[in-house]
Amino acid sequence: MCGAGNVGEPHYTLADVATERDDITLVVPTYNRAAALQTNLPSMLAMRDIAEVVVVDDGSTDDTRRVCEQFVDERLKVVRHEA
């Protein structure tokens, strides 16, 4: 637990917490947001320390599936719920 300046409590900085690499998973719920994914997935995949990006598609009827398939990155996982 991060100390709030109380004597005897540990005080952690962001640098202390962010010592592990590749330990962050981004979960992106989506429905008919192909354009937003096209714009934002490259930035998400470019972030340091991202182990995986999981797109949870709740039965989109737009180009969401096609947009996700454009990205060749083993860290991108797509879970599709059919409508």
N, C-alpha and C. Protein backbone atom coordinates (compact mmCIF):
# COMPACT_ATOMS: atom_id res chain seq x y z
N MET A 1 0.85 -1.18 0.00
CA MET A 1 0.00 0.00 0.00
C MET A 1 0.89 1.23 0.00
N CYS A 2 0.51 2.20 -0.75
CA CYS A 2 1.31 3.42 -0.87
C CYS A 2 1.10 4.28 0.37
N GLY A 3 2.20 4.68 0.97
CA GLY A 3 2.11 5.52 2.16
C GLY A 3 1.68 6.93 1.82
N ALA A 4 1.03 7.56 2.75
CA ALA A 4 0.56 8.93 2.54
C ALA A 4 1.40 9.90 3.35
N GLY A 5 2.66 9.56 3.56
CA GLY A 5 3.53 10.46 4.29
C GLY A 5 3.56 10.18 5.78
N ASN A 6 2.87 9.16 6.23
CA ASN A 6 2.88 8.82 7.65
C ASN A 6 4.21 8.17 8.01
N VAL A 7 4.70 8.47 9.17
CA VAL A 7 5.96 7.90 9.63
C VAL A 7 5.82 6.39 9.73
N GLY A 8 6.81 5.70 9.19
CA GLY A 8 6.80 4.24 9.27
C GLY A 8 6.12 3.56 8.09
N GLU A 9 5.37 4.30 7.30
CA GLU A 9 4.73 3.71 6.12
C GLU A 9 5.65 3.86 4.92
N PRO A 10 5.71 2.85 4.07
CA PRO A 10 6.54 2.97 2.87
C PRO A 10 5.97 4.00 1.91
N HIS A 11 6.85 4.63 1.17
CA HIS A 11 6.43 5.58 0.16
C HIS A 11 6.95 5.09 -1.18
N TYR A 12 6.07 4.87 -2.14
CA TYR A 12 6.46 4.35 -3.45
C TYR A 12 6.32 5.44 -4.49
N THR A 13 7.23 5.44 -5.43
CA THR A 13 7.12 6.36 -6.56
C THR A 13 6.68 5.56 -7.77
N LEU A 14 6.28 6.26 -8.82
CA LEU A 14 5.90 5.59 -10.05
C LEU A 14 7.04 4.73 -10.59
N ALA A 15 8.26 5.20 -10.45
CA ALA A 15 9.42 4.43 -10.92
C ALA A 15 9.55 3.12 -10.16
N ASP A 16 9.21 3.11 -8.88
CA ASP A 16 9.28 1.88 -8.10
C ASP A 16 8.24 0.87 -8.57
N VAL A 17 7.06 1.35 -8.89
CA VAL A 17 5.97 0.48 -9.29
C VAL A 17 6.17 -0.05 -10.71
N ALA A 18 6.75 0.75 -11.58
CA ALA A 18 6.88 0.39 -12.99
C ALA A 18 8.21 -0.27 -13.31
N THR A 19 8.65 -1.17 -12.45
CA THR A 19 9.93 -1.84 -12.70
C THR A 19 9.78 -3.09 -13.54
N GLU A 20 8.62 -3.69 -13.57
CA GLU A 20 8.38 -4.88 -14.38
C GLU A 20 8.06 -4.48 -15.81
N ARG A 21 8.60 -5.21 -16.77
CA ARG A 21 8.32 -4.94 -18.18
C ARG A 21 7.28 -5.94 -18.68
N ASP A 22 6.56 -5.52 -19.69
CA ASP A 22 5.60 -6.39 -20.36
C ASP A 22 4.58 -6.99 -19.41
N ASP A 23 4.04 -6.20 -18.55
CA ASP A 23 3.08 -6.74 -17.60
C ASP A 23 1.73 -6.04 -17.65
N ILE A 24 1.48 -5.27 -18.68
CA ILE A 24 0.23 -4.52 -18.77
C ILE A 24 -0.63 -5.09 -19.90
N THR A 25 -1.89 -5.34 -19.58
CA THR A 25 -2.86 -5.75 -20.58
C THR A 25 -3.89 -4.64 -20.71
N LEU A 26 -4.11 -4.20 -21.94
CA LEU A 26 -5.18 -3.24 -22.21
C LEU A 26 -6.39 -4.01 -22.71
N VAL A 27 -7.54 -3.76 -22.13
CA VAL A 27 -8.79 -4.38 -22.57
C VAL A 27 -9.65 -3.28 -23.16
N VAL A 28 -10.05 -3.48 -24.42
CA VAL A 28 -10.79 -2.46 -25.16
C VAL A 28 -12.15 -3.03 -25.56
N PRO A 29 -13.20 -2.73 -24.81
CA PRO A 29 -14.52 -3.16 -25.23
C PRO A 29 -14.97 -2.29 -26.41
N THR A 30 -15.63 -2.91 -27.39
CA THR A 30 -16.03 -2.12 -28.55
C THR A 30 -17.31 -2.66 -29.17
N TYR A 31 -18.02 -1.75 -29.82
CA TYR A 31 -19.20 -2.10 -30.61
C TYR A 31 -19.31 -1.05 -31.71
N ASN A 32 -19.12 -1.48 -32.95
CA ASN A 32 -19.21 -0.60 -34.12
C ASN A 32 -18.32 0.65 -33.99
N ARG A 33 -17.07 0.43 -33.64
CA ARG A 33 -16.11 1.53 -33.49
C ARG A 33 -14.88 1.28 -34.34
N ALA A 34 -15.07 0.83 -35.57
CA ALA A 34 -13.95 0.51 -36.47
C ALA A 34 -13.03 1.71 -36.66
N ALA A 35 -13.59 2.87 -36.89
CA ALA A 35 -12.76 4.07 -37.12
C ALA A 35 -11.93 4.41 -35.89
N ALA A 36 -12.52 4.29 -34.71
CA ALA A 36 -11.78 4.58 -33.48
C ALA A 36 -10.66 3.57 -33.27
N LEU A 37 -10.91 2.31 -33.58
CA LEU A 37 -9.86 1.30 -33.45
C LEU A 37 -8.74 1.55 -34.45
N GLN A 38 -9.10 1.90 -35.67
CA GLN A 38 -8.10 2.20 -36.70
C GLN A 38 -7.18 3.32 -36.24
N THR A 39 -7.75 4.30 -35.57
CA THR A 39 -6.99 5.45 -35.09
C THR A 39 -6.15 5.12 -33.86
N ASN A 40 -6.71 4.34 -32.93
CA ASN A 40 -6.09 4.18 -31.61
C ASN A 40 -5.27 2.92 -31.39
N LEU A 41 -5.54 1.85 -32.12
CA LEU A 41 -4.76 0.63 -31.90
C LEU A 41 -3.26 0.82 -32.15
N PRO A 42 -2.85 1.56 -33.18
CA PRO A 42 -1.40 1.74 -33.35
C PRO A 42 -0.73 2.37 -32.13
N SER A 43 -1.38 3.33 -31.52
CA SER A 43 -0.81 3.97 -30.33
C SER A 43 -0.75 3.00 -29.15
N MET A 44 -1.79 2.21 -29.01
CA MET A 44 -1.81 1.24 -27.91
C MET A 44 -0.69 0.22 -28.08
N LEU A 45 -0.52 -0.28 -29.30
CA LEU A 45 0.51 -1.28 -29.56
C LEU A 45 1.92 -0.69 -29.50
N ALA A 46 2.04 0.60 -29.64
CA ALA A 46 3.35 1.26 -29.58
C ALA A 46 3.77 1.59 -28.15
N MET A 47 2.85 1.51 -27.20
CA MET A 47 3.18 1.84 -25.82
C MET A 47 4.19 0.85 -25.24
N ARG A 48 5.07 1.38 -24.45
CA ARG A 48 6.06 0.56 -23.78
C ARG A 48 5.38 -0.30 -22.70
N ASP A 49 5.87 -1.49 -22.51
CA ASP A 49 5.43 -2.39 -21.44
C ASP A 49 4.04 -2.98 -21.63
N ILE A 50 3.51 -2.94 -22.85
CA ILE A 50 2.20 -3.54 -23.10
C ILE A 50 2.41 -4.99 -23.51
N ALA A 51 1.91 -5.91 -22.68
CA ALA A 51 2.03 -7.33 -22.97
C ALA A 51 1.00 -7.77 -23.99
N GLU A 52 -0.20 -7.20 -23.90
CA GLU A 52 -1.24 -7.54 -24.86
C GLU A 52 -2.33 -6.48 -24.87
N VAL A 53 -3.00 -6.42 -26.01
CA VAL A 53 -4.18 -5.57 -26.18
C VAL A 53 -5.31 -6.52 -26.55
N VAL A 54 -6.34 -6.57 -25.73
CA VAL A 54 -7.47 -7.45 -25.95
C VAL A 54 -8.66 -6.59 -26.38
N VAL A 55 -9.09 -6.77 -27.62
CA VAL A 55 -10.27 -6.08 -28.12
C VAL A 55 -11.45 -7.03 -27.94
N VAL A 56 -12.45 -6.59 -27.20
CA VAL A 56 -13.65 -7.39 -26.98
C VAL A 56 -14.76 -6.77 -27.81
N ASP A 57 -15.06 -7.43 -28.93
CA ASP A 57 -16.04 -6.94 -29.89
C ASP A 57 -17.40 -7.54 -29.56
N ASP A 58 -18.33 -6.69 -29.21
CA ASP A 58 -19.66 -7.15 -28.79
C ASP A 58 -20.63 -7.24 -29.97
N GLY A 59 -20.19 -7.97 -31.00
CA GLY A 59 -21.08 -8.22 -32.15
C GLY A 59 -21.19 -7.08 -33.13
N SER A 60 -20.11 -6.35 -33.34
CA SER A 60 -20.14 -5.22 -34.27
C SER A 60 -20.60 -5.64 -35.66
N THR A 61 -21.29 -4.72 -36.32
CA THR A 61 -21.76 -4.98 -37.69
C THR A 61 -21.04 -4.09 -38.70
N ASP A 62 -20.08 -3.30 -38.23
CA ASP A 62 -19.30 -2.45 -39.13
C ASP A 62 -17.99 -3.17 -39.50
N ASP A 63 -16.95 -2.45 -39.80
CA ASP A 63 -15.67 -3.03 -40.23
C ASP A 63 -14.71 -3.33 -39.08
N THR A 64 -15.23 -3.46 -37.89
CA THR A 64 -14.37 -3.70 -36.72
C THR A 64 -13.48 -4.92 -36.92
N ARG A 65 -14.05 -6.02 -37.39
CA ARG A 65 -13.27 -7.25 -37.58
C ARG A 65 -12.16 -7.01 -38.60
N ARG A 66 -12.48 -6.40 -39.72
CA ARG A 66 -11.48 -6.14 -40.77
C ARG A 66 -10.37 -5.24 -40.26
N VAL A 67 -10.72 -4.22 -39.51
CA VAL A 67 -9.71 -3.31 -38.96
C VAL A 67 -8.75 -4.07 -38.05
N CYS A 68 -9.28 -4.90 -37.17
CA CYS A 68 -8.42 -5.66 -36.25
C CYS A 68 -7.52 -6.63 -37.02
N GLU A 69 -8.04 -7.21 -38.08
CA GLU A 69 -7.25 -8.17 -38.87
C GLU A 69 -6.10 -7.50 -39.61
N GLN A 70 -6.15 -6.19 -39.79
CA GLN A 70 -5.08 -5.46 -40.47
C GLN A 70 -3.79 -5.44 -39.65
N PHE A 71 -3.90 -5.56 -38.35
CA PHE A 71 -2.75 -5.43 -37.48
C PHE A 71 -2.07 -6.78 -37.30
N VAL A 72 -0.81 -6.82 -37.65
CA VAL A 72 -0.03 -8.04 -37.48
C VAL A 72 0.85 -7.84 -36.26
N ASP A 73 0.33 -8.26 -35.13
CA ASP A 73 1.05 -8.11 -33.87
C ASP A 73 0.55 -9.21 -32.94
N GLU A 74 1.45 -10.06 -32.50
CA GLU A 74 1.05 -11.20 -31.67
C GLU A 74 0.45 -10.77 -30.33
N ARG A 75 0.64 -9.52 -29.95
CA ARG A 75 0.07 -9.04 -28.69
C ARG A 75 -1.40 -8.65 -28.82
N LEU A 76 -1.90 -8.52 -30.05
CA LEU A 76 -3.30 -8.15 -30.26
C LEU A 76 -4.16 -9.40 -30.26
N LYS A 77 -5.11 -9.44 -29.35
CA LYS A 77 -6.07 -10.54 -29.25
C LYS A 77 -7.46 -9.96 -29.46
N VAL A 78 -8.28 -10.68 -30.22
CA VAL A 78 -9.65 -10.21 -30.47
C VAL A 78 -10.61 -11.29 -29.99
N VAL A 79 -11.52 -10.89 -29.12
CA VAL A 79 -12.59 -11.76 -28.63
C VAL A 79 -13.87 -11.21 -29.23
N ARG A 80 -14.55 -12.03 -30.01
CA ARG A 80 -15.76 -11.56 -30.70
C ARG A 80 -16.98 -12.28 -30.17
N HIS A 81 -17.93 -11.50 -29.72
CA HIS A 81 -19.24 -12.03 -29.32
C HIS A 81 -20.17 -11.82 -30.50
N GLU A 82 -20.71 -12.88 -31.02
CA GLU A 82 -21.63 -12.77 -32.16
C GLU A 82 -22.96 -12.20 -31.68
N ALA A 83 -23.57 -11.39 -32.53
CA ALA A 83 -24.86 -10.76 -32.19
C ALA A 83 -25.98 -11.76 -32.26
